[in-house]
Amino acid sequence: MWFFFFIVTLAALVALHFGWRAKFLAQQNLATSEMDVFQKQTQQTSVDAKAQQQILFNSMLEGLLLLDRNKKIYLANRAFTEFFNLKTELRGKTLVEVLRLHELDGLLQRVETEQQVFGHEIKLPELSERWLQVNAAVITNSTGEREGTILVFHDLTRLKQLERQREEFVANVSHELRTPLSLIKGYVETLLDGARNNPEVAERFLKIIERNTNRLDFLIQDLLTISSLESGRMKLELSPVNLHSLAEKVFGDLAAKAEAKKTSLINELPELIANGDVNRLDQVLANLVDNAIKYGGANGAVIVGGKKLENGALEMFVRDDGPGIPPESLDRVFERFYRVDKARSRDQGGTGLGLAIVKHIVHAHGGEVWAESESGKSATFFFTLPATTAA
């Protein structure tokens, strides 16, 4: 009896042991499977994080450069490579090897000493002007040991261009104001010193004073106009405008100036109807025709023409028979105060803002403006306007 009980107990223990072992192995397999899944998820998360980091770096407008403790490139984002037009692999190379800009090598030496440098400006040695601002700092670990260097590059080119334009604008306005003011002051002083007692001399001086005060008035009006156009404060009053009739009106206003130079004014415009501000379009045509008379040849002709384009827009032109415009100046003639021939322009008068005003008015109408010419031949100014079906 006791032997039978021992056999049953032993069998139960064996069964329990193998049952527990099977359960343990099953749990161990499950744990291993879960660990594999976790490791795969962790690896995927790490890959995703690196991908997101790369996307973030490449989406930055600033150029980002990371150097290791040996001053070799560890990471460079897309903006950095585009700033310097780099196409080759950068990792593991030094800045001098990649860019050959010794100024940046000097900047790295400064960072080593000062730990950080902010607002350092460099001009790239390119044909087109390019400026970058560099901020740099040393990267250290928890124990204060140097791990590498980070450099951030910001494009300053547009700011530099605006700064230069502002300086040129102030200089040009000062010059344009100073010239007539100096003449007015000089002739007034001469009149006060006794020239007013000679009627012929006094009348001649007063006419010079009047001409220069008009020049000042034109300059101030043009400055106010271009300021309003550039700031968007000027509102256009749109209505159907007969361009042929408008050209006739402008010819009438400038007839005396054309007659003095023996210039023929020819209106070849068909009956085109534009959707525009009649006063501003009058200003556009008047500036272009006035320039054509001024810089065209004596005993020559100024022609105004145009046509309707396939897309429905209207294209107009004003052509003179003067010496033309050099190719390098065609893209700049619409800049404020830009003069192709400074000496000749001063003699002819004008504020230097006429073509800039033309450009802004045409753009405000949704059109385009450009010039075509060959040096030594005539110049033609084109502009487009939206059409209207109204009669």
Protein backbone atom coordinates (compact mmCIF):
# COMPACT_ATOMS: atom_id res chain seq x y z
CA MET A 1 0.00 0.00 0.00
CA TRP A 2 2.77 2.34 0.98
CA PHE A 3 4.70 1.43 -2.17
CA PHE A 4 1.66 2.21 -4.33
CA PHE A 5 1.24 5.60 -2.60
CA PHE A 6 4.96 6.37 -3.25
CA ILE A 7 4.66 5.55 -6.96
CA VAL A 8 1.58 7.78 -7.35
CA THR A 9 3.25 10.66 -5.52
CA LEU A 10 6.41 10.32 -7.59
CA ALA A 11 4.38 10.30 -10.82
CA ALA A 12 2.51 13.41 -9.66
CA LEU A 13 5.76 15.22 -8.89
CA VAL A 14 7.22 14.26 -12.28
CA ALA A 15 4.08 15.46 -14.02
CA LEU A 16 4.11 18.67 -11.99
CA HIS A 17 7.81 19.22 -12.80
CA PHE A 18 7.37 18.73 -16.53
CA GLY A 19 4.19 20.85 -16.52
CA TRP A 20 5.97 23.68 -14.69
CA ARG A 21 8.98 23.35 -17.02
CA ALA A 22 6.76 23.54 -20.10
CA LYS A 23 5.01 26.58 -18.68
CA PHE A 24 8.36 28.19 -17.82
CA LEU A 25 9.70 27.58 -21.31
CA ALA A 26 6.52 28.98 -22.82
CA GLN A 27 6.79 32.10 -20.66
CA GLN A 28 10.49 32.38 -21.49
CA ASN A 29 9.73 32.15 -25.22
CA LEU A 30 7.02 34.78 -24.84
CA ALA A 31 9.38 37.06 -22.94
CA THR A 32 12.06 36.55 -25.60
CA SER A 33 9.56 37.33 -28.35
CA GLU A 34 8.40 40.45 -26.53
CA MET A 35 12.03 41.49 -26.01
CA ASP A 36 12.71 41.06 -29.74
CA VAL A 37 9.68 43.20 -30.59
CA PHE A 38 10.79 45.82 -28.05
CA GLN A 39 14.32 45.87 -29.48
CA LYS A 40 12.98 46.22 -33.01
CA GLN A 41 10.66 49.02 -31.90
CA THR A 42 13.55 50.72 -30.11
CA GLN A 43 15.73 50.43 -33.21
CA GLN A 44 12.93 51.78 -35.40
CA THR A 45 12.34 54.63 -32.96
CA SER A 46 16.06 55.43 -33.09
CA VAL A 47 16.01 55.39 -36.90
CA ASP A 48 12.88 57.57 -36.94
CA ALA A 49 14.46 60.02 -34.48
CA LYS A 50 17.59 60.30 -36.63
CA ALA A 51 15.45 60.81 -39.75
CA GLN A 52 13.44 63.50 -37.99
CA GLN A 53 16.64 65.17 -36.84
CA GLN A 54 17.98 65.17 -40.40
CA ILE A 55 14.70 66.59 -41.73
CA LEU A 56 14.82 69.29 -39.05
CA PHE A 57 18.42 70.22 -39.83
CA ASN A 58 17.76 70.35 -43.56
CA SER A 59 14.62 72.48 -43.13
CA MET A 60 16.58 75.22 -41.34
CA LEU A 61 17.16 78.43 -43.30
CA GLU A 62 20.45 78.94 -41.46
CA GLY A 63 23.47 76.90 -42.42
CA LEU A 64 24.44 74.51 -39.61
CA LEU A 65 27.90 72.95 -39.26
CA LEU A 66 29.11 70.61 -36.49
CA LEU A 67 32.82 69.89 -36.07
CA ASP A 68 34.25 67.10 -33.93
CA ARG A 69 37.05 67.51 -31.37
CA ASN A 70 39.59 67.22 -34.22
CA LYS A 71 37.94 70.15 -36.06
CA LYS A 72 36.67 67.86 -38.78
CA ILE A 73 33.14 68.08 -40.19
CA TYR A 74 30.72 65.77 -38.41
CA LEU A 75 27.44 67.21 -39.76
CA ALA A 76 26.44 69.85 -42.34
CA ASN A 77 22.85 70.65 -43.27
CA ARG A 78 21.46 71.45 -46.69
CA ALA A 79 21.47 75.25 -46.22
CA PHE A 80 25.21 75.19 -45.49
CA THR A 81 26.01 73.23 -48.66
CA GLU A 82 23.78 75.57 -50.71
CA PHE A 83 25.44 78.70 -49.29
CA PHE A 84 28.80 77.48 -50.55
CA ASN A 85 27.53 75.45 -53.54
CA LEU A 86 29.13 72.22 -52.26
CA LYS A 87 28.46 68.93 -54.04
CA THR A 88 30.99 66.51 -52.51
CA GLU A 89 30.90 64.49 -49.26
CA LEU A 90 31.96 66.73 -46.36
CA ARG A 91 32.12 64.39 -43.37
CA GLY A 92 35.64 63.89 -42.01
CA LYS A 93 37.14 66.88 -43.85
CA THR A 94 38.40 70.16 -42.38
CA LEU A 95 36.89 73.56 -43.19
CA VAL A 96 40.01 74.66 -45.05
CA GLU A 97 39.88 71.55 -47.24
CA VAL A 98 36.24 72.14 -48.10
CA LEU A 99 36.01 75.94 -48.41
CA ARG A 100 39.59 77.24 -48.63
CA LEU A 101 38.49 80.32 -46.66
CA HIS A 102 41.31 81.17 -44.27
CA GLU A 103 39.04 83.71 -42.59
CA LEU A 104 36.95 80.82 -41.22
CA ASP A 105 40.10 79.09 -39.99
CA GLY A 106 40.92 82.26 -38.07
CA LEU A 107 37.38 82.29 -36.68
CA LEU A 108 37.85 78.73 -35.34
CA GLN A 109 41.01 79.83 -33.56
CA ARG A 110 39.08 82.69 -31.97
CA VAL A 111 36.38 80.27 -30.80
CA GLU A 112 39.04 78.04 -29.20
CA THR A 113 40.22 81.01 -27.13
CA GLU A 114 36.94 82.86 -26.46
CA GLN A 115 34.63 79.79 -26.36
CA GLN A 116 32.00 81.63 -28.46
CA VAL A 117 31.90 84.28 -31.20
CA PHE A 118 28.74 86.08 -32.32
CA GLY A 119 28.00 88.31 -35.32
CA HIS A 120 31.16 87.63 -37.33
CA GLU A 121 30.57 88.76 -40.95
CA ILE A 122 32.32 87.32 -43.99
CA LYS A 123 32.07 88.25 -47.66
CA LEU A 124 32.26 85.30 -50.01
CA PRO A 125 34.74 85.60 -52.90
CA GLU A 126 32.11 85.37 -55.65
CA LEU A 127 31.34 87.46 -58.71
CA SER A 128 27.94 88.33 -57.22
CA GLU A 129 28.09 89.95 -53.81
CA ARG A 130 27.32 87.48 -51.00
CA TRP A 131 27.52 88.15 -47.24
CA LEU A 132 27.17 85.66 -44.36
CA GLN A 133 26.99 86.18 -40.61
CA VAL A 134 28.59 83.42 -38.51
CA ASN A 135 27.86 82.56 -34.86
CA ALA A 136 30.15 79.91 -33.37
CA ALA A 137 30.57 78.20 -29.99
CA VAL A 138 32.53 75.35 -28.40
CA ILE A 139 30.53 72.27 -27.34
CA THR A 140 31.61 70.73 -24.00
CA ASN A 141 30.55 67.60 -22.10
CA SER A 142 29.44 67.32 -18.45
CA THR A 143 33.04 67.37 -17.24
CA GLY A 144 33.87 70.53 -19.21
CA GLU A 145 35.96 68.79 -21.86
CA ARG A 146 35.71 70.07 -25.41
CA GLU A 147 33.66 67.75 -27.65
CA GLY A 148 33.44 69.87 -30.80
CA THR A 149 32.33 73.17 -32.32
CA ILE A 150 29.03 74.37 -33.73
CA LEU A 151 28.80 77.10 -36.39
CA VAL A 152 25.57 78.73 -37.60
CA PHE A 153 25.61 80.70 -40.87
CA HIS A 154 22.96 83.35 -41.65
CA ASP A 155 22.58 84.97 -45.09
CA LEU A 156 23.06 88.75 -44.80
CA THR A 157 23.12 89.47 -48.54
CA ARG A 158 19.64 91.02 -48.75
CA LEU A 159 20.23 93.17 -45.66
CA LYS A 160 23.54 94.38 -47.07
CA GLN A 161 21.88 95.25 -50.37
CA LEU A 162 19.12 97.19 -48.59
CA GLU A 163 21.70 99.00 -46.49
CA ARG A 164 23.67 99.96 -49.58
CA GLN A 165 20.47 101.10 -51.35
CA ARG A 166 19.54 103.21 -48.34
CA GLU A 167 22.98 104.84 -48.29
CA GLU A 168 22.83 105.48 -52.04
CA PHE A 169 19.30 106.85 -51.70
CA VAL A 170 20.30 109.30 -48.96
CA ALA A 171 23.39 110.36 -50.90
CA ASN A 172 21.41 110.87 -54.13
CA VAL A 173 18.59 112.80 -52.46
CA SER A 174 21.12 114.99 -50.66
CA HIS A 175 22.87 115.72 -53.94
CA GLU A 176 19.63 116.40 -55.81
CA LEU A 177 18.50 118.79 -53.07
CA ARG A 178 21.87 120.47 -52.61
CA THR A 179 22.38 121.44 -56.26
CA PRO A 180 19.25 123.59 -56.76
CA LEU A 181 19.42 124.95 -53.21
CA SER A 182 23.01 126.09 -53.76
CA LEU A 183 22.03 127.84 -56.99
CA ILE A 184 19.01 129.50 -55.39
CA LYS A 185 21.10 130.65 -52.42
CA GLY A 186 23.86 132.00 -54.67
CA TYR A 187 21.54 134.00 -56.93
CA VAL A 188 19.52 135.37 -54.00
CA GLU A 189 22.72 136.59 -52.33
CA THR A 190 23.80 138.22 -55.63
CA LEU A 191 20.43 139.97 -55.93
CA LEU A 192 20.63 141.20 -52.34
CA ASP A 193 24.16 142.50 -52.96
CA GLY A 194 22.84 144.92 -55.61
CA ALA A 195 22.03 142.92 -58.75
CA ARG A 196 18.32 143.57 -58.10
CA ASN A 197 18.89 147.18 -59.18
CA ASN A 198 19.66 146.03 -62.74
CA PRO A 199 16.30 144.97 -64.23
CA GLU A 200 17.77 142.72 -66.94
CA VAL A 201 20.11 140.90 -64.56
CA ALA A 202 17.41 140.64 -61.88
CA GLU A 203 14.92 139.10 -64.31
CA ARG A 204 17.46 136.55 -65.56
CA PHE A 205 18.43 135.57 -62.02
CA LEU A 206 14.81 135.29 -60.91
CA LYS A 207 14.07 132.95 -63.83
CA ILE A 208 16.99 130.73 -62.76
CA ILE A 209 15.65 130.76 -59.19
CA GLU A 210 12.17 129.85 -60.44
CA ARG A 211 13.55 126.98 -62.55
CA ASN A 212 15.42 125.53 -59.58
CA THR A 213 12.50 125.88 -57.20
CA ASN A 214 10.42 123.95 -59.75
CA ARG A 215 13.15 121.31 -59.82
CA LEU A 216 12.93 121.02 -56.02
CA ASP A 217 9.16 120.78 -56.20
CA PHE A 218 9.35 118.01 -58.83
CA LEU A 219 11.86 116.10 -56.70
CA ILE A 220 9.68 116.33 -53.58
CA GLN A 221 6.58 115.26 -55.49
CA ASP A 222 8.43 112.31 -57.03
CA LEU A 223 9.79 111.28 -53.63
CA LEU A 224 6.28 111.37 -52.13
CA THR A 225 4.90 109.41 -55.10
CA ILE A 226 7.49 106.64 -54.99
CA SER A 227 7.19 106.43 -51.20
CA SER A 228 3.42 105.93 -51.51
CA LEU A 229 3.85 103.33 -54.26
CA GLU A 230 6.53 101.32 -52.46
CA SER A 231 4.60 101.31 -49.16
CA GLY A 232 1.33 100.31 -50.84
CA ARG A 233 -0.49 103.39 -49.51
CA MET A 234 -1.41 104.65 -52.97
CA LYS A 235 -4.79 103.30 -54.11
CA LEU A 236 -5.58 103.01 -57.81
CA GLU A 237 -8.92 104.29 -59.13
CA LEU A 238 -9.55 101.84 -61.96
CA SER A 239 -11.71 102.64 -64.95
CA PRO A 240 -11.64 102.05 -68.75
CA VAL A 241 -8.84 104.13 -70.30
CA ASN A 242 -8.50 104.84 -74.03
CA LEU A 243 -4.74 104.56 -74.54
CA HIS A 244 -4.69 106.28 -77.95
CA SER A 245 -6.44 109.33 -76.50
CA LEU A 246 -4.17 109.28 -73.47
CA ALA A 247 -1.07 109.34 -75.72
CA GLU A 248 -2.50 112.34 -77.62
CA LYS A 249 -3.02 114.16 -74.31
CA VAL A 250 0.59 113.45 -73.23
CA PHE A 251 1.89 114.62 -76.62
CA GLY A 252 0.00 117.89 -76.14
CA ASP A 253 1.53 118.39 -72.68
CA LEU A 254 5.06 117.83 -74.01
CA ALA A 255 4.66 119.57 -77.38
CA ALA A 256 6.73 122.62 -76.39
CA LYS A 257 9.66 120.46 -75.21
CA ALA A 258 9.51 118.34 -78.39
CA GLU A 259 9.32 121.44 -80.60
CA ALA A 260 12.37 122.98 -78.89
CA LYS A 261 14.37 119.91 -79.87
CA LYS A 262 12.65 119.54 -83.23
CA THR A 263 11.43 116.06 -82.28
CA SER A 264 8.39 114.55 -83.97
CA LEU A 265 5.85 112.81 -81.75
CA ILE A 266 4.16 109.89 -83.54
CA ASN A 267 1.11 108.10 -82.10
CA GLU A 268 0.80 104.59 -83.58
CA LEU A 269 -1.46 103.28 -80.83
CA PRO A 270 -4.66 101.59 -82.01
CA GLU A 271 -7.88 102.15 -80.07
CA LEU A 272 -6.94 100.00 -77.09
CA ILE A 273 -8.96 100.15 -73.87
CA ALA A 274 -7.07 99.38 -70.67
CA ASN A 275 -8.37 98.86 -67.16
CA GLY A 276 -6.34 101.34 -65.14
CA ASP A 277 -5.96 104.55 -63.20
CA VAL A 278 -5.97 107.26 -65.86
CA ASN A 279 -3.90 109.73 -63.80
CA ARG A 280 -1.22 107.16 -63.01
CA LEU A 281 -1.08 105.87 -66.59
CA ASP A 282 -0.75 109.49 -67.70
CA GLN A 283 2.27 109.68 -65.38
CA VAL A 284 3.76 106.50 -66.91
CA LEU A 285 3.44 107.71 -70.49
CA ALA A 286 4.57 111.25 -69.63
CA ASN A 287 7.75 109.97 -67.95
CA LEU A 288 8.58 107.62 -70.83
CA VAL A 289 7.88 110.17 -73.59
CA ASP A 290 9.72 112.92 -71.69
CA ASN A 291 12.77 110.63 -71.38
CA ALA A 292 12.55 109.73 -75.06
CA ILE A 293 12.54 113.42 -76.05
CA LYS A 294 15.33 114.20 -73.60
CA TYR A 295 17.71 111.41 -74.66
CA GLY A 296 16.63 111.02 -78.29
CA GLY A 297 18.47 112.61 -81.16
CA ALA A 298 17.80 116.17 -82.41
CA ASN A 299 15.45 116.32 -85.39
CA GLY A 300 14.42 112.80 -84.52
CA ALA A 301 11.17 111.06 -83.62
CA VAL A 302 9.49 109.50 -80.60
CA ILE A 303 7.03 106.72 -81.41
CA VAL A 304 4.32 105.37 -79.11
CA GLY A 305 2.68 102.10 -80.16
CA GLY A 306 1.09 98.95 -78.84
CA LYS A 307 -0.99 95.84 -79.44
CA LYS A 308 -3.28 93.35 -77.77
CA LEU A 309 -1.60 90.09 -76.75
CA GLU A 310 -3.04 86.59 -77.11
CA ASN A 311 -3.71 86.35 -73.36
CA GLY A 312 -5.86 89.50 -73.52
CA ALA A 313 -3.31 91.84 -71.95
CA LEU A 314 -2.19 95.04 -73.68
CA GLU A 315 1.43 95.79 -74.56
CA MET A 316 2.64 99.36 -75.17
CA PHE A 317 6.02 100.76 -76.14
CA VAL A 318 7.79 104.12 -76.35
CA ARG A 319 10.75 104.24 -78.78
CA ASP A 320 13.35 106.96 -79.30
CA ASP A 321 16.20 107.31 -81.80
CA GLY A 322 18.94 108.21 -79.33
CA PRO A 323 22.28 106.54 -78.54
CA GLY A 324 20.61 103.59 -76.79
CA ILE A 325 21.38 101.89 -73.49
CA PRO A 326 24.38 99.58 -72.85
CA PRO A 327 23.40 95.93 -72.16
CA GLU A 328 24.78 96.03 -68.60
CA SER A 329 22.44 98.93 -67.75
CA LEU A 330 19.17 97.51 -69.11
CA ASP A 331 18.29 95.74 -65.84
CA ARG A 332 19.17 98.77 -63.72
CA VAL A 333 17.52 101.69 -65.50
CA PHE A 334 14.38 101.28 -63.36
CA GLU A 335 16.33 101.68 -60.10
CA ARG A 336 15.92 104.90 -58.15
CA PHE A 337 18.47 107.54 -59.21
CA TYR A 338 20.29 105.15 -61.54
CA ARG A 339 21.78 107.02 -64.49
CA VAL A 340 23.40 105.45 -67.54
CA ASP A 341 25.44 108.59 -68.25
CA LYS A 342 25.65 110.63 -65.05
CA ALA A 343 27.18 113.73 -66.64
CA ARG A 344 24.64 113.85 -69.47
CA SER A 345 21.73 113.18 -67.11
CA ARG A 346 22.72 116.07 -64.84
CA ASP A 347 22.80 118.39 -67.85
CA GLN A 348 19.36 117.19 -69.01
CA GLY A 349 17.82 117.69 -65.57
CA GLY A 350 15.21 115.44 -63.98
CA THR A 351 14.95 113.83 -60.57
CA GLY A 352 16.28 110.37 -61.43
CA LEU A 353 13.06 108.81 -60.13
CA GLY A 354 10.93 108.79 -63.30
CA LEU A 355 11.57 105.21 -64.42
CA ALA A 356 11.33 103.88 -60.86
CA ILE A 357 7.88 105.48 -60.63
CA VAL A 358 6.95 103.94 -64.01
CA LYS A 359 7.95 100.48 -62.75
CA HIS A 360 5.95 100.75 -59.53
CA ILE A 361 2.81 102.10 -61.22
CA VAL A 362 2.87 99.35 -63.88
CA HIS A 363 3.43 96.67 -61.22
CA ALA A 364 0.57 98.12 -59.17
CA HIS A 365 -1.66 97.53 -62.24
CA GLY A 366 -0.47 93.92 -62.43
CA GLY A 367 1.71 94.52 -65.48
CA GLU A 368 5.39 94.19 -66.35
CA VAL A 369 7.91 96.74 -67.62
CA TRP A 370 11.25 96.29 -69.40
CA ALA A 371 13.65 97.97 -71.80
CA GLU A 372 15.30 96.78 -75.00
CA SER A 373 18.21 98.46 -76.73
CA GLU A 374 21.55 98.11 -78.41
CA SER A 375 24.35 100.48 -77.53
CA GLY A 376 24.57 103.15 -80.22
CA LYS A 377 20.99 102.52 -81.39
CA SER A 378 17.49 103.44 -80.24
CA ALA A 379 16.00 102.42 -76.91
CA THR A 380 12.47 101.01 -76.53
CA PHE A 381 10.56 100.82 -73.25
CA PHE A 382 7.74 98.28 -73.01
CA PHE A 383 5.00 97.77 -70.44
CA THR A 384 1.86 95.63 -70.19
CA LEU A 385 -1.57 96.38 -68.75
CA PRO A 386 -4.75 94.39 -68.15
CA ALA A 387 -7.39 94.92 -70.86
CA THR A 388 -11.09 95.63 -70.39
CA THR A 389 -13.99 94.85 -72.71
CA ALA A 390 -15.68 98.15 -71.86
CA ALA A 391 -15.89 100.64 -74.71
